[in-house]
Amino acid sequence: MTTITATWRDAFNAALQAHFAITTDDAGLTDTELSRYADLEPKAAALQFGEDYDLDRVDRGWR
């Protein structure tokens, strides 16, 4: 199992906020759930999480 560092968690949380306007607390993510994404860079992990859960991105503006 990949270790989740505070630095990784902070960067993942920042990416979630930037792309989806949610936090790990909002999503109710535990270390077990985060470990599924911990092998990715934080931004890639946040984007993959959003795709996995069909989240709407807020950073793309109106279409």
N, C-alpha and C. Protein backbone atom coordinates (compact mmCIF):
# COMPACT_ATOMS: atom_id res chain seq x y z
N MET A 1 0.84 -1.18 0.00
CA MET A 1 0.00 0.00 0.00
C MET A 1 0.89 1.24 0.00
N THR A 2 0.55 2.21 -0.81
CA THR A 2 1.29 3.45 -0.91
C THR A 2 0.98 4.33 0.29
N THR A 3 2.02 4.95 0.84
CA THR A 3 1.84 5.83 1.98
C THR A 3 1.35 7.20 1.51
N ILE A 4 0.37 7.71 2.21
CA ILE A 4 -0.17 9.03 1.90
C ILE A 4 0.49 10.03 2.84
N THR A 5 1.27 10.95 2.28
CA THR A 5 1.92 11.96 3.10
C THR A 5 1.02 13.18 3.24
N ALA A 6 1.33 14.01 4.22
CA ALA A 6 0.57 15.24 4.42
C ALA A 6 0.72 16.16 3.21
N THR A 7 1.90 16.16 2.60
CA THR A 7 2.14 17.00 1.42
C THR A 7 1.26 16.55 0.26
N TRP A 8 1.20 15.24 0.04
CA TRP A 8 0.37 14.70 -1.05
C TRP A 8 -1.10 15.01 -0.78
N ARG A 9 -1.54 14.78 0.46
CA ARG A 9 -2.94 15.02 0.82
C ARG A 9 -3.31 16.49 0.62
N ASP A 10 -2.43 17.40 1.03
CA ASP A 10 -2.69 18.84 0.86
C ASP A 10 -2.79 19.21 -0.62
N ALA A 11 -1.89 18.67 -1.43
CA ALA A 11 -1.91 18.96 -2.87
C ALA A 11 -3.15 18.35 -3.54
N PHE A 12 -3.51 17.15 -3.15
CA PHE A 12 -4.74 16.50 -3.67
C PHE A 12 -5.96 17.34 -3.31
N ASN A 13 -6.03 17.77 -2.06
CA ASN A 13 -7.15 18.57 -1.60
C ASN A 13 -7.22 19.89 -2.37
N ALA A 14 -6.07 20.52 -2.59
CA ALA A 14 -6.03 21.78 -3.36
C ALA A 14 -6.51 21.56 -4.79
N ALA A 15 -6.12 20.44 -5.39
CA ALA A 15 -6.56 20.14 -6.75
C ALA A 15 -8.06 19.86 -6.79
N LEU A 16 -8.58 19.15 -5.80
CA LEU A 16 -10.02 18.92 -5.74
C LEU A 16 -10.77 20.25 -5.65
N GLN A 17 -10.27 21.15 -4.83
CA GLN A 17 -10.92 22.45 -4.67
C GLN A 17 -10.86 23.24 -5.97
N ALA A 18 -9.72 23.22 -6.63
CA ALA A 18 -9.54 24.00 -7.86
C ALA A 18 -10.40 23.47 -9.01
N HIS A 19 -10.51 22.17 -9.12
CA HIS A 19 -11.20 21.57 -10.27
C HIS A 19 -12.66 21.23 -10.02
N PHE A 20 -13.02 20.94 -8.75
CA PHE A 20 -14.37 20.47 -8.47
C PHE A 20 -15.08 21.21 -7.34
N ALA A 21 -14.40 22.18 -6.71
CA ALA A 21 -14.96 22.98 -5.61
C ALA A 21 -15.43 22.12 -4.43
N ILE A 22 -14.71 21.03 -4.17
CA ILE A 22 -14.98 20.21 -2.99
C ILE A 22 -13.66 19.94 -2.29
N THR A 23 -13.74 19.45 -1.08
CA THR A 23 -12.55 19.04 -0.33
C THR A 23 -12.66 17.56 -0.01
N THR A 24 -11.60 17.02 0.52
CA THR A 24 -11.64 15.62 0.93
C THR A 24 -12.66 15.43 2.05
N ASP A 25 -12.80 16.44 2.90
CA ASP A 25 -13.82 16.35 3.97
C ASP A 25 -15.22 16.37 3.37
N ASP A 26 -15.45 17.25 2.39
CA ASP A 26 -16.76 17.30 1.72
C ASP A 26 -17.11 15.94 1.12
N ALA A 27 -16.12 15.31 0.52
CA ALA A 27 -16.34 14.02 -0.15
C ALA A 27 -16.35 12.86 0.83
N GLY A 28 -15.94 13.11 2.08
CA GLY A 28 -15.92 12.04 3.08
C GLY A 28 -14.87 10.99 2.82
N LEU A 29 -13.74 11.41 2.23
CA LEU A 29 -12.70 10.46 1.87
C LEU A 29 -11.88 10.03 3.08
N THR A 30 -11.69 8.74 3.19
CA THR A 30 -10.85 8.16 4.23
C THR A 30 -9.50 7.81 3.62
N ASP A 31 -8.53 7.45 4.47
CA ASP A 31 -7.23 7.04 3.96
C ASP A 31 -7.34 5.81 3.07
N THR A 32 -8.26 4.93 3.36
CA THR A 32 -8.46 3.74 2.53
C THR A 32 -8.87 4.14 1.12
N GLU A 33 -9.81 5.07 1.02
CA GLU A 33 -10.26 5.53 -0.29
C GLU A 33 -9.17 6.33 -1.00
N LEU A 34 -8.47 7.16 -0.26
CA LEU A 34 -7.38 7.94 -0.86
C LEU A 34 -6.25 7.05 -1.37
N SER A 35 -6.03 5.93 -0.71
CA SER A 35 -4.93 5.05 -1.12
C SER A 35 -5.11 4.51 -2.53
N ARG A 36 -6.35 4.50 -3.03
CA ARG A 36 -6.60 4.06 -4.41
C ARG A 36 -5.96 4.99 -5.43
N TYR A 37 -5.72 6.23 -5.02
CA TYR A 37 -5.20 7.25 -5.92
C TYR A 37 -3.78 7.69 -5.57
N ALA A 38 -3.23 7.19 -4.48
CA ALA A 38 -1.96 7.68 -3.95
C ALA A 38 -0.76 7.37 -4.84
N ASP A 39 -0.90 6.47 -5.80
CA ASP A 39 0.22 6.18 -6.70
C ASP A 39 0.31 7.21 -7.83
N LEU A 40 -0.69 8.10 -7.91
CA LEU A 40 -0.69 9.17 -8.92
C LEU A 40 -0.22 10.47 -8.30
N GLU A 41 0.21 11.38 -9.15
CA GLU A 41 0.50 12.74 -8.68
C GLU A 41 -0.82 13.35 -8.20
N PRO A 42 -0.78 14.26 -7.23
CA PRO A 42 -2.02 14.78 -6.65
C PRO A 42 -3.02 15.35 -7.65
N LYS A 43 -2.56 16.14 -8.63
CA LYS A 43 -3.49 16.71 -9.60
C LYS A 43 -4.12 15.61 -10.44
N ALA A 44 -3.32 14.67 -10.92
CA ALA A 44 -3.84 13.56 -11.71
C ALA A 44 -4.80 12.71 -10.87
N ALA A 45 -4.48 12.54 -9.60
CA ALA A 45 -5.35 11.77 -8.71
C ALA A 45 -6.69 12.45 -8.53
N ALA A 46 -6.67 13.77 -8.36
CA ALA A 46 -7.92 14.52 -8.19
C ALA A 46 -8.77 14.44 -9.46
N LEU A 47 -8.13 14.58 -10.60
CA LEU A 47 -8.87 14.49 -11.86
C LEU A 47 -9.44 13.09 -12.08
N GLN A 48 -8.67 12.07 -11.72
CA GLN A 48 -9.15 10.70 -11.84
C GLN A 48 -10.32 10.46 -10.88
N PHE A 49 -10.20 10.97 -9.66
CA PHE A 49 -11.29 10.85 -8.69
C PHE A 49 -12.56 11.49 -9.26
N GLY A 50 -12.43 12.68 -9.81
CA GLY A 50 -13.57 13.36 -10.40
C GLY A 50 -14.19 12.57 -11.54
N GLU A 51 -13.35 11.97 -12.35
CA GLU A 51 -13.86 11.14 -13.45
C GLU A 51 -14.56 9.89 -12.92
N ASP A 52 -13.95 9.25 -11.94
CA ASP A 52 -14.52 8.03 -11.37
C ASP A 52 -15.90 8.28 -10.77
N TYR A 53 -16.10 9.46 -10.21
CA TYR A 53 -17.37 9.77 -9.54
C TYR A 53 -18.22 10.76 -10.33
N ASP A 54 -17.87 10.95 -11.59
CA ASP A 54 -18.65 11.78 -12.51
C ASP A 54 -18.94 13.17 -11.95
N LEU A 55 -17.91 13.82 -11.43
CA LEU A 55 -18.05 15.17 -10.88
C LEU A 55 -17.95 16.20 -12.00
N ASP A 56 -18.69 17.26 -11.88
CA ASP A 56 -18.61 18.37 -12.83
C ASP A 56 -17.45 19.28 -12.45
N ARG A 57 -16.65 19.62 -13.44
CA ARG A 57 -15.53 20.52 -13.18
C ARG A 57 -16.01 21.96 -13.15
N VAL A 58 -15.44 22.72 -12.23
CA VAL A 58 -15.80 24.13 -12.10
C VAL A 58 -14.77 25.04 -12.74
N ASP A 59 -13.67 24.49 -13.17
CA ASP A 59 -12.58 25.30 -13.70
C ASP A 59 -12.62 25.45 -15.23
N ARG A 60 -13.68 24.99 -15.84
CA ARG A 60 -13.76 25.06 -17.30
C ARG A 60 -14.65 26.17 -17.80
N GLY A 61 -15.37 26.83 -16.92
CA GLY A 61 -16.24 27.91 -17.33
C GLY A 61 -17.49 27.41 -18.05
N TRP A 62 -18.30 28.32 -18.47
CA TRP A 62 -19.54 27.99 -19.18
C TRP A 62 -19.25 27.58 -20.61
N ARG A 63 -20.02 26.68 -21.10
CA ARG A 63 -19.85 26.23 -22.48
C ARG A 63 -20.93 26.78 -23.34
